[in-house]
PDB file of N, CA and C in Angstrom:
ATOM      1  N   MET A   1     101.362  74.419  98.369  1.00  0.00           N
ATOM      2  CA  MET A   1     101.855  75.735  98.064  1.00  0.00           C
ATOM      3  C   MET A   1     102.147  76.452  99.375  1.00  0.00           C
ATOM      4  N   ASP A   2     103.320  77.046  99.463  1.00  0.00           N
ATOM      5  CA  ASP A   2     103.704  77.799 100.651  1.00  0.00           C
ATOM      6  C   ASP A   2     103.306  79.262 100.491  1.00  0.00           C
ATOM      7  N   ILE A   3     102.510  79.732 101.413  1.00  0.00           N
ATOM      8  CA  ILE A   3     102.095  81.133 101.422  1.00  0.00           C
ATOM      9  C   ILE A   3     103.010  81.872 102.397  1.00  0.00           C
ATOM     10  N   PRO A   4     103.709  82.905 101.937  1.00  0.00           N
ATOM     11  CA  PRO A   4     104.609  83.629 102.844  1.00  0.00           C
ATOM     12  C   PRO A   4     103.842  84.372 103.939  1.00  0.00           C
ATOM     13  N   ASN A   5     104.488  84.517 105.091  1.00  0.00           N
ATOM     14  CA  ASN A   5     103.866  85.214 106.221  1.00  0.00           C
ATOM     15  C   ASN A   5     103.571  86.672 105.911  1.00  0.00           C
ATOM     16  N   ASP A   6     104.323  87.261 104.995  1.00  0.00           N
ATOM     17  CA  ASP A   6     104.138  88.682 104.682  1.00  0.00           C
ATOM     18  C   ASP A   6     103.282  88.900 103.430  1.00  0.00           C
ATOM     19  N   TRP A   7     102.405  87.952 103.115  1.00  0.00           N
ATOM     20  CA  TRP A   7     101.517  88.080 101.950  1.00  0.00           C
ATOM     21  C   TRP A   7     100.359  88.990 102.347  1.00  0.00           C
ATOM     22  N   ASP A   8     100.604  90.285 102.333  1.00  0.00           N
ATOM     23  CA  ASP A   8      99.629  91.280 102.779  1.00  0.00           C
ATOM     24  C   ASP A   8      98.764  91.759 101.620  1.00  0.00           C
ATOM     25  N   TRP A   9      97.476  91.728 101.802  1.00  0.00           N
ATOM     26  CA  TRP A   9      96.525  92.247 100.824  1.00  0.00           C
ATOM     27  C   TRP A   9      96.269  93.713 101.162  1.00  0.00           C
ATOM     28  N   HIS A  10      95.967  94.503 100.139  1.00  0.00           N
ATOM     29  CA  HIS A  10      95.771  95.936 100.343  1.00  0.00           C
ATOM     30  C   HIS A  10      94.347  96.323  99.957  1.00  0.00           C
ATOM     31  N   VAL A  11      93.681  97.034 100.863  1.00  0.00           N
ATOM     32  CA  VAL A  11      92.305  97.479 100.640  1.00  0.00           C
ATOM     33  C   VAL A  11      92.311  98.992 100.453  1.00  0.00           C
ATOM     34  N   GLU A  12      91.571  99.456  99.435  1.00  0.00           N
ATOM     35  CA  GLU A  12      91.449 100.882  99.150  1.00  0.00           C
ATOM     36  C   GLU A  12      89.980 101.229  98.943  1.00  0.00           C
ATOM     37  N   GLY A  13      89.640 102.473  99.251  1.00  0.00           N
ATOM     38  CA  GLY A  13      88.288 102.954  98.998  1.00  0.00           C
ATOM     39  C   GLY A  13      87.223 102.240  99.816  1.00  0.00           C
ATOM     40  N   TRP A  14      87.568 101.835 101.021  1.00  0.00           N
ATOM     41  CA  TRP A  14      86.648 101.086 101.878  1.00  0.00           C
ATOM     42  C   TRP A  14      85.443 101.933 102.266  1.00  0.00           C
ATOM     43  N   HIS A  15      84.259 101.367 102.110  1.00  0.00           N
ATOM     44  CA  HIS A  15      83.033 101.992 102.588  1.00  0.00           C
ATOM     45  C   HIS A  15      82.076 100.887 103.018  1.00  0.00           C
ATOM     46  N   ALA A  16      81.497 101.062 104.180  1.00  0.00           N
ATOM     47  CA  ALA A  16      80.453 100.145 104.654  1.00  0.00           C
ATOM     48  C   ALA A  16      79.470 100.959 105.476  1.00  0.00           C
ATOM     49  N   GLY A  17      78.224 100.548 105.436  1.00  0.00           N
ATOM     50  CA  GLY A  17      77.214 101.250 106.198  1.00  0.00           C
ATOM     51  C   GLY A  17      75.936 100.449 106.298  1.00  0.00           C
ATOM     52  N   CYS A  18      75.079 100.889 107.190  1.00  0.00           N
ATOM     53  CA  CYS A  18      73.800 100.213 107.400  1.00  0.00           C
ATOM     54  C   CYS A  18      72.671 101.242 107.344  1.00  0.00           C
ATOM     55  N   SER A  19      71.546 100.799 106.845  1.00  0.00           N
ATOM     56  CA  SER A  19      70.335 101.613 106.815  1.00  0.00           C
ATOM     57  C   SER A  19      69.171 100.699 107.187  1.00  0.00           C
ATOM     58  N   ARG A  20      67.973 101.192 107.080  1.00  0.00           N
ATOM     59  CA  ARG A  20      66.802 100.364 107.412  1.00  0.00           C
ATOM     60  C   ARG A  20      66.699  99.131 106.526  1.00  0.00           C
ATOM     61  N   SER A  21      67.185  99.242 105.296  1.00  0.00           N
ATOM     62  CA  SER A  21      67.084  98.106 104.367  1.00  0.00           C
ATOM     63  C   SER A  21      68.201  97.086 104.548  1.00  0.00           C
ATOM     64  N   GLY A  22      69.185  97.365 105.408  1.00  0.00           N
ATOM     65  CA  GLY A  22      70.272  96.418 105.659  1.00  0.00           C
ATOM     66  C   GLY A  22      71.633  97.075 105.518  1.00  0.00           C
ATOM     67  N   CYS A  23      72.666  96.259 105.581  1.00  0.00           N
ATOM     68  CA  CYS A  23      74.038  96.746 105.524  1.00  0.00           C
ATOM     69  C   CYS A  23      74.659  96.395 104.177  1.00  0.00           C
ATOM     70  N   SER A  24      75.640  97.202 103.767  1.00  0.00           N
ATOM     71  CA  SER A  24      76.329  96.941 102.505  1.00  0.00           C
ATOM     72  C   SER A  24      77.777  97.405 102.618  1.00  0.00           C
ATOM     73  N   TYR A  25      78.609  96.959 101.662  1.00  0.00           N
ATOM     74  CA  TYR A  25      80.025  97.313 101.636  1.00  0.00           C
ATOM     75  C   TYR A  25      80.467  97.490 100.191  1.00  0.00           C
ATOM     76  N   ASN A  26      81.570  98.219  99.999  1.00  0.00           N
ATOM     77  CA  ASN A  26      82.267  98.243  98.720  1.00  0.00           C
ATOM     78  C   ASN A  26      83.698  98.713  98.946  1.00  0.00           C
ATOM     79  N   PHE A  27      84.624  98.134  98.182  1.00  0.00           N
ATOM     80  CA  PHE A  27      86.042  98.450  98.309  1.00  0.00           C
ATOM     81  C   PHE A  27      86.810  97.776  97.173  1.00  0.00           C
ATOM     82  N   ASN A  28      88.038  98.220  96.956  1.00  0.00           N
ATOM     83  CA  ASN A  28      88.969  97.553  96.054  1.00  0.00           C
ATOM     84  C   ASN A  28      89.977  96.793  96.900  1.00  0.00           C
ATOM     85  N   VAL A  29      90.381  95.624  96.440  1.00  0.00           N
ATOM     86  CA  VAL A  29      91.405  94.844  97.130  1.00  0.00           C
ATOM     87  C   VAL A  29      92.452  94.414  96.115  1.00  0.00           C
ATOM     88  N   THR A  30      93.717  94.525  96.507  1.00  0.00           N
ATOM     89  CA  THR A  30      94.827  94.067  95.679  1.00  0.00           C
ATOM     90  C   THR A  30      95.470  92.878  96.370  1.00  0.00           C
ATOM     91  N   VAL A  31      95.537  91.765  95.653  1.00  0.00           N
ATOM     92  CA  VAL A  31      96.179  90.545  96.137  1.00  0.00           C
ATOM     93  C   VAL A  31      97.512  90.452  95.401  1.00  0.00           C
ATOM     94  N   PRO A  32      98.650  90.576  96.111  1.00  0.00           N
ATOM     95  CA  PRO A  32      99.937  90.593  95.430  1.00  0.00           C
ATOM     96  C   PRO A  32     100.353  89.216  94.907  1.00  0.00           C
ATOM     97  N   SER A  33     101.252  89.238  93.938  1.00  0.00           N
ATOM     98  CA  SER A  33     101.780  88.002  93.352  1.00  0.00           C
ATOM     99  C   SER A  33     102.716  87.302  94.326  1.00  0.00           C
ATOM    100  N   ILE A  34     102.821  85.986  94.168  1.00  0.00           N
ATOM    101  CA  ILE A  34     103.844  85.180  94.825  1.00  0.00           C
ATOM    102  C   ILE A  34     104.627  84.532  93.693  1.00  0.00           C
ATOM    103  N   LEU A  35     105.902  84.823  93.593  1.00  0.00           N
ATOM    104  CA  LEU A  35     106.745  84.396  92.487  1.00  0.00           C
ATOM    105  C   LEU A  35     106.585  82.910  92.179  1.00  0.00           C
ATOM    106  N   ASP A  36     106.283  82.606  90.942  1.00  0.00           N
ATOM    107  CA  ASP A  36     106.140  81.239  90.424  1.00  0.00           C
ATOM    108  C   ASP A  36     104.977  80.453  91.027  1.00  0.00           C
ATOM    109  N   GLN A  37     104.064  81.126  91.757  1.00  0.00           N
ATOM    110  CA  GLN A  37     102.939  80.410  92.358  1.00  0.00           C
ATOM    111  C   GLN A  37     101.594  81.076  92.084  1.00  0.00           C
ATOM    112  N   ILE A  38     101.509  82.366  92.360  1.00  0.00           N
ATOM    113  CA  ILE A  38     100.235  83.079  92.245  1.00  0.00           C
ATOM    114  C   ILE A  38     100.471  84.400  91.525  1.00  0.00           C
ATOM    115  N   ALA A  39      99.685  84.641  90.486  1.00  0.00           N
ATOM    116  CA  ALA A  39      99.701  85.948  89.835  1.00  0.00           C
ATOM    117  C   ALA A  39      98.686  86.830  90.560  1.00  0.00           C
ATOM    118  N   GLY A  40      99.080  88.009  90.920  1.00  0.00           N
ATOM    119  CA  GLY A  40      98.213  88.888  91.697  1.00  0.00           C
ATOM    120  C   GLY A  40      97.013  89.398  90.916  1.00  0.00           C
ATOM    121  N   VAL A  41      96.050  89.925  91.642  1.00  0.00           N
ATOM    122  CA  VAL A  41      94.850  90.506  91.046  1.00  0.00           C
ATOM    123  C   VAL A  41      94.450  91.757  91.822  1.00  0.00           C
ATOM    124  N   LYS A  42      93.677  92.603  91.152  1.00  0.00           N
ATOM    125  CA  LYS A  42      92.988  93.715  91.805  1.00  0.00           C
ATOM    126  C   LYS A  42      91.517  93.509  91.527  1.00  0.00           C
ATOM    127  N   ALA A  43      90.692  93.629  92.563  1.00  0.00           N
ATOM    128  CA  ALA A  43      89.264  93.347  92.418  1.00  0.00           C
ATOM    129  C   ALA A  43      88.434  94.413  93.126  1.00  0.00           C
ATOM    130  N   TYR A  44      87.219  94.616  92.619  1.00  0.00           N
ATOM    131  CA  TYR A  44      86.226  95.490  93.243  1.00  0.00           C
ATOM    132  C   TYR A  44      85.179  94.597  93.892  1.00  0.00           C
ATOM    133  N   CYS A  45      85.000  94.772  95.194  1.00  0.00           N
ATOM    134  CA  CYS A  45      84.041  93.967  95.950  1.00  0.00           C
ATOM    135  C   CYS A  45      82.909  94.868  96.437  1.00  0.00           C
ATOM    136  N   SER A  46      81.683  94.392  96.301  1.00  0.00           N
ATOM    137  CA  SER A  46      80.531  95.127  96.817  1.00  0.00           C
ATOM    138  C   SER A  46      79.410  94.139  97.066  1.00  0.00           C
ATOM    139  N   GLY A  47      78.585  94.463  98.026  1.00  0.00           N
ATOM    140  CA  GLY A  47      77.456  93.588  98.264  1.00  0.00           C
ATOM    141  C   GLY A  47      76.716  93.912  99.541  1.00  0.00           C
ATOM    142  N   PRO A  48      75.586  93.243  99.723  1.00  0.00           N
ATOM    143  CA  PRO A  48      74.772  93.424 100.922  1.00  0.00           C
ATOM    144  C   PRO A  48      75.143  92.389 101.982  1.00  0.00           C
ATOM    145  N   GLU A  49      74.546  92.535 103.117  1.00  0.00           N
ATOM    146  CA  GLU A  49      74.673  91.540 104.181  1.00  0.00           C
ATOM    147  C   GLU A  49      73.881  90.309 103.757  1.00  0.00           C
ATOM    148  N   THR A  50      74.560  89.180 103.562  1.00  0.00           N
ATOM    149  CA  THR A  50      73.906  87.985 103.015  1.00  0.00           C
ATOM    150  C   THR A  50      74.055  86.770 103.911  1.00  0.00           C
ATOM    151  N   GLY A  51      74.208  86.954 105.190  1.00  0.00           N
ATOM    152  CA  GLY A  51      74.390  85.800 106.058  1.00  0.00           C
ATOM    153  C   GLY A  51      75.780  85.223 105.886  1.00  0.00           C
ATOM    154  N   ASN A  52      75.864  83.941 105.589  1.00  0.00           N
ATOM    155  CA  ASN A  52      77.153  83.264 105.514  1.00  0.00           C
ATOM    156  C   ASN A  52      77.596  83.011 104.077  1.00  0.00           C
ATOM    157  N   THR A  53      77.095  83.770 103.108  1.00  0.00           N
ATOM    158  CA  THR A  53      77.387  83.526 101.699  1.00  0.00           C
ATOM    159  C   THR A  53      78.398  84.536 101.172  1.00  0.00           C
ATOM    160  N   TYR A  54      79.489  84.024 100.587  1.00  0.00           N
ATOM    161  CA  TYR A  54      80.454  84.900  99.923  1.00  0.00           C
ATOM    162  C   TYR A  54      79.864  85.393  98.610  1.00  0.00           C
ATOM    163  N   ARG A  55      80.210  86.618  98.232  1.00  0.00           N
ATOM    164  CA  ARG A  55      79.773  87.205  96.968  1.00  0.00           C
ATOM    165  C   ARG A  55      81.021  87.468  96.117  1.00  0.00           C
ATOM    166  N   SER A  56      80.993  87.024  94.869  1.00  0.00           N
ATOM    167  CA  SER A  56      82.143  87.192  93.977  1.00  0.00           C
ATOM    168  C   SER A  56      82.428  88.666  93.730  1.00  0.00           C
ATOM    169  N   CYS A  57      83.710  89.000  93.696  1.00  0.00           N
ATOM    170  CA  CYS A  57      84.154  90.354  93.389  1.00  0.00           C
ATOM    171  C   CYS A  57      84.494  90.436  91.902  1.00  0.00           C
ATOM    172  N   GLN A  58      84.445  91.626  91.354  1.00  0.00           N
ATOM    173  CA  GLN A  58      84.762  91.850  89.941  1.00  0.00           C
ATOM    174  C   GLN A  58      86.271  92.036  89.797  1.00  0.00           C
ATOM    175  N   ILE A  59      86.916  91.201  88.969  1.00  0.00           N
ATOM    176  CA  ILE A  59      88.351  91.314  88.736  1.00  0.00           C
ATOM    177  C   ILE A  59      88.602  92.517  87.823  1.00  0.00           C
ATOM    178  N   LEU A  60      89.418  93.455  88.287  1.00  0.00           N
ATOM    179  CA  LEU A  60      89.737  94.660  87.525  1.00  0.00           C
ATOM    180  C   LEU A  60      91.052  94.521  86.765  1.00  0.00           C
ATOM    181  N   GLU A  61      92.016  93.856  87.387  1.00  0.00           N
ATOM    182  CA  GLU A  61      93.328  93.639  86.789  1.00  0.00           C
ATOM    183  C   GLU A  61      93.826  92.271  87.220  1.00  0.00           C
ATOM    184  N   GLY A  62      94.538  91.601  86.323  1.00  0.00           N
ATOM    185  CA  GLY A  62      95.159  90.340  86.684  1.00  0.00           C
ATOM    186  C   GLY A  62      94.527  89.164  85.982  1.00  0.00           C
ATOM    187  N   VAL A  63      94.918  87.999  86.427  1.00  0.00           N
ATOM    188  CA  VAL A  63      94.500  86.748  85.804  1.00  0.00           C
ATOM    189  C   VAL A  63      93.141  86.293  86.308  1.00  0.00           C
ATOM    190  N   ASN A  64      92.736  85.130  85.893  1.00  0.00           N
ATOM    191  CA  ASN A  64      91.398  84.618  86.190  1.00  0.00           C
ATOM    192  C   ASN A  64      91.318  83.903  87.539  1.00  0.00           C
ATOM    193  N   ASP A  65      91.955  84.454  88.554  1.00  0.00           N
ATOM    194  CA  ASP A  65      91.769  83.947  89.912  1.00  0.00           C
ATOM    195  C   ASP A  65      90.512  84.598  90.471  1.00  0.00           C
ATOM    196  N   GLY A  66      89.970  84.042  91.524  1.00  0.00           N
ATOM    197  CA  GLY A  66      88.743  84.580  92.089  1.00  0.00           C
ATOM    198  C   GLY A  66      88.964  85.265  93.425  1.00  0.00           C
ATOM    199  N   VAL A  67      88.168  86.282  93.688  1.00  0.00           N
ATOM    200  CA  VAL A  67      88.145  86.969  94.971  1.00  0.00           C
ATOM    201  C   VAL A  67      86.681  87.108  95.354  1.00  0.00           C
ATOM    202  N   SER A  68      86.359  86.816  96.616  1.00  0.00           N
ATOM    203  CA  SER A  68      84.988  86.924  97.117  1.00  0.00           C
ATOM    204  C   SER A  68      85.012  87.600  98.481  1.00  0.00           C
ATOM    205  N   ALA A  69      83.869  88.158  98.879  1.00  0.00           N
ATOM    206  CA  ALA A  69      83.784  88.838 100.170  1.00  0.00           C
ATOM    207  C   ALA A  69      82.420  88.606 100.805  1.00  0.00           C
ATOM    208  N   LYS A  70      82.371  88.760 102.117  1.00  0.00           N
ATOM    209  CA  LYS A  70      81.107  88.695 102.860  1.00  0.00           C
ATOM    210  C   LYS A  70      81.293  89.399 104.197  1.00  0.00           C
ATOM    211  N   PHE A  71      80.203  89.873 104.760  1.00  0.00           N
ATOM    212  CA  PHE A  71      80.212  90.389 106.120  1.00  0.00           C
ATOM    213  C   PHE A  71      80.301  89.224 107.093  1.00  0.00           C
ATOM    214  N   GLY A  72      80.928  89.469 108.236  1.00  0.00           N
ATOM    215  CA  GLY A  72      80.908  88.508 109.324  1.00  0.00           C
ATOM    216  C   GLY A  72      79.594  88.626 110.081  1.00  0.00           C
ATOM    217  N   PRO A  73      79.421  87.807 111.112  1.00  0.00           N
ATOM    218  CA  PRO A  73      78.175  87.867 111.885  1.00  0.00           C
ATOM    219  C   PRO A  73      78.090  89.156 112.705  1.00  0.00           C
ATOM    220  N   ARG A  74      76.871  89.502 113.056  1.00  0.00           N
ATOM    221  CA  ARG A  74      76.650  90.660 113.930  1.00  0.00           C
ATOM    222  C   ARG A  74      77.036  90.295 115.357  1.00  0.00           C
ATOM    223  N   ASN A  75      77.422  91.293 116.124  1.00  0.00           N
ATOM    224  CA  ASN A  75      77.721  91.112 117.531  1.00  0.00           C
ATOM    225  C   ASN A  75      76.414  90.768 118.244  1.00  0.00           C
ATOM    226  N   GLU A  76      76.390  89.641 118.940  1.00  0.00           N
ATOM    227  CA  GLU A  76      75.155  89.190 119.594  1.00  0.00           C
ATOM    228  C   GLU A  76      74.657  90.171 120.652  1.00  0.00           C
ATOM    229  N   SER A  77      75.571  90.887 121.300  1.00  0.00           N
ATOM    230  CA  SER A  77      75.139  91.812 122.352  1.00  0.00           C
ATOM    231  C   SER A  77      74.665  93.157 121.787  1.00  0.00           C
ATOM    232  N   SER A  78      75.019  93.476 120.537  1.00  0.00           N
ATOM    233  CA  SER A  78      74.585  94.733 119.905  1.00  0.00           C
ATOM    234  C   SER A  78      74.282  94.518 118.424  1.00  0.00           C
ATOM    235  N   PRO A  79      73.310  93.665 118.084  1.00  0.00           N
ATOM    236  CA  PRO A  79      73.054  93.361 116.674  1.00  0.00           C
ATOM    237  C   PRO A  79      72.604  94.566 115.852  1.00  0.00           C
ATOM    238  N   GLU A  80      72.073  95.586 116.516  1.00  0.00           N
ATOM    239  CA  GLU A  80      71.612  96.773 115.791  1.00  0.00           C
ATOM    240  C   GLU A  80      72.774  97.573 115.186  1.00  0.00           C
ATOM    241  N   LEU A  81      73.999  97.312 115.624  1.00  0.00           N
ATOM    242  CA  LEU A  81      75.168  98.025 115.102  1.00  0.00           C
ATOM    243  C   LEU A  81      75.673  97.445 113.779  1.00  0.00           C
ATOM    244  N   GLY A  82      75.151  96.326 113.363  1.00  0.00           N
ATOM    245  CA  GLY A  82      75.586  95.718 112.105  1.00  0.00           C
ATOM    246  C   GLY A  82      76.788  94.811 112.293  1.00  0.00           C
ATOM    247  N   PRO A  83      77.265  94.235 111.207  1.00  0.00           N
ATOM    248  CA  PRO A  83      78.415  93.327 111.274  1.00  0.00           C
ATOM    249  C   PRO A  83      79.683  94.061 111.711  1.00  0.00           C
ATOM    250  N   GLU A  84      80.560  93.345 112.425  1.00  0.00           N
ATOM    251  CA  GLU A  84      81.802  93.942 112.908  1.00  0.00           C
ATOM    252  C   GLU A  84      82.973  93.726 111.953  1.00  0.00           C
ATOM    253  N   LYS A  85      82.924  92.670 111.135  1.00  0.00           N
ATOM    254  CA  LYS A  85      84.053  92.307 110.281  1.00  0.00           C
ATOM    255  C   LYS A  85      83.576  91.983 108.876  1.00  0.00           C
ATOM    256  N   ILE A  86      84.533  92.024 107.958  1.00  0.00           N
ATOM    257  CA  ILE A  86      84.283  91.536 106.608  1.00  0.00           C
ATOM    258  C   ILE A  86      85.372  90.514 106.299  1.00  0.00           C
ATOM    259  N   PHE A  87      85.001  89.467 105.590  1.00  0.00           N
ATOM    260  CA  PHE A  87      85.933  88.409 105.223  1.00  0.00           C
ATOM    261  C   PHE A  87      86.147  88.443 103.717  1.00  0.00           C
ATOM    262  N   VAL A  88      87.401  88.288 103.303  1.00  0.00           N
ATOM    263  CA  VAL A  88      87.755  88.269 101.887  1.00  0.00           C
ATOM    264  C   VAL A  88      88.466  86.956 101.609  1.00  0.00           C
ATOM    265  N   SER A  89      88.084  86.302 100.524  1.00  0.00           N
ATOM    266  CA  SER A  89      88.620  84.989 100.175  1.00  0.00           C
ATOM    267  C   SER A  89      89.248  85.032  98.782  1.00  0.00           C
ATOM    268  N   PHE A  90      90.346  84.309  98.596  1.00  0.00           N
ATOM    269  CA  PHE A  90      91.039  84.209  97.313  1.00  0.00           C
ATOM    270  C   PHE A  90      90.928  82.777  96.810  1.00  0.00           C
ATOM    271  N   GLU A  91      90.593  82.616  95.539  1.00  0.00           N
ATOM    272  CA  GLU A  91      90.506  81.283  94.938  1.00  0.00           C
ATOM    273  C   GLU A  91      91.444  81.226  93.742  1.00  0.00           C
ATOM    274  N   LEU A  92      92.418  80.346  93.821  1.00  0.00           N
ATOM    275  CA  LEU A  92      93.385  80.172  92.745  1.00  0.00           C
ATOM    276  C   LEU A  92      92.708  79.489  91.571  1.00  0.00           C
ATOM    277  N   GLY A  93      92.710  80.144  90.406  1.00  0.00           N
ATOM    278  CA  GLY A  93      92.121  79.564  89.201  1.00  0.00           C
ATOM    279  C   GLY A  93      92.932  78.369  88.724  1.00  0.00           C
ATOM    280  N   SER A  94      92.294  77.485  87.993  1.00  0.00           N
ATOM    281  CA  SER A  94      93.018  76.326  87.469  1.00  0.00           C
ATOM    282  C   SER A  94      94.003  76.780  86.402  1.00  0.00           C
ATOM    283  N   TYR A  95      94.989  75.965  86.133  1.00  0.00           N
ATOM    284  CA  TYR A  95      96.042  76.307  85.173  1.00  0.00           C
ATOM    285  C   TYR A  95      95.456  76.643  83.805  1.00  0.00           C
ATOM    286  N   GLU A  96      94.421  75.923  83.395  1.00  0.00           N
ATOM    287  CA  GLU A  96      93.821  76.138  82.084  1.00  0.00           C
ATOM    288  C   GLU A  96      93.144  77.497  81.969  1.00  0.00           C
ATOM    289  N   GLU A  97      92.754  78.097  83.089  1.00  0.00           N
ATOM    290  CA  GLU A  97      92.044  79.374  83.078  1.00  0.00           C
ATOM    291  C   GLU A  97      92.984  80.571  83.039  1.00  0.00           C
ATOM    292  N   ARG A  98      94.273  80.358  83.199  1.00  0.00           N
ATOM    293  CA  ARG A  98      95.228  81.474  83.268  1.00  0.00           C
ATOM    294  C   ARG A  98      95.691  81.907  81.913  1.00  0.00           C
TER     295      ARG A  98
END
């Protein structure tokens, strides 16, 4: 499957923060459709800092494709500042699930 270079995902309502109990995030992400290949979805992602484990996002609109998110690693020179990045992953559902 060819993914176009301009396949831009859109994030809305981004919030992330850290407290004594750890760091957390929440946001909505829209994954646009690719004609005849991928039907787009809108998902709500939220979760705590879980190391290297992706956490499934709740699909709000669209087909049965999957979206997951996780925090990236903390900066080794300033770990008290929390994670610097968040990673979002898209999983194309099988044909039977659509």
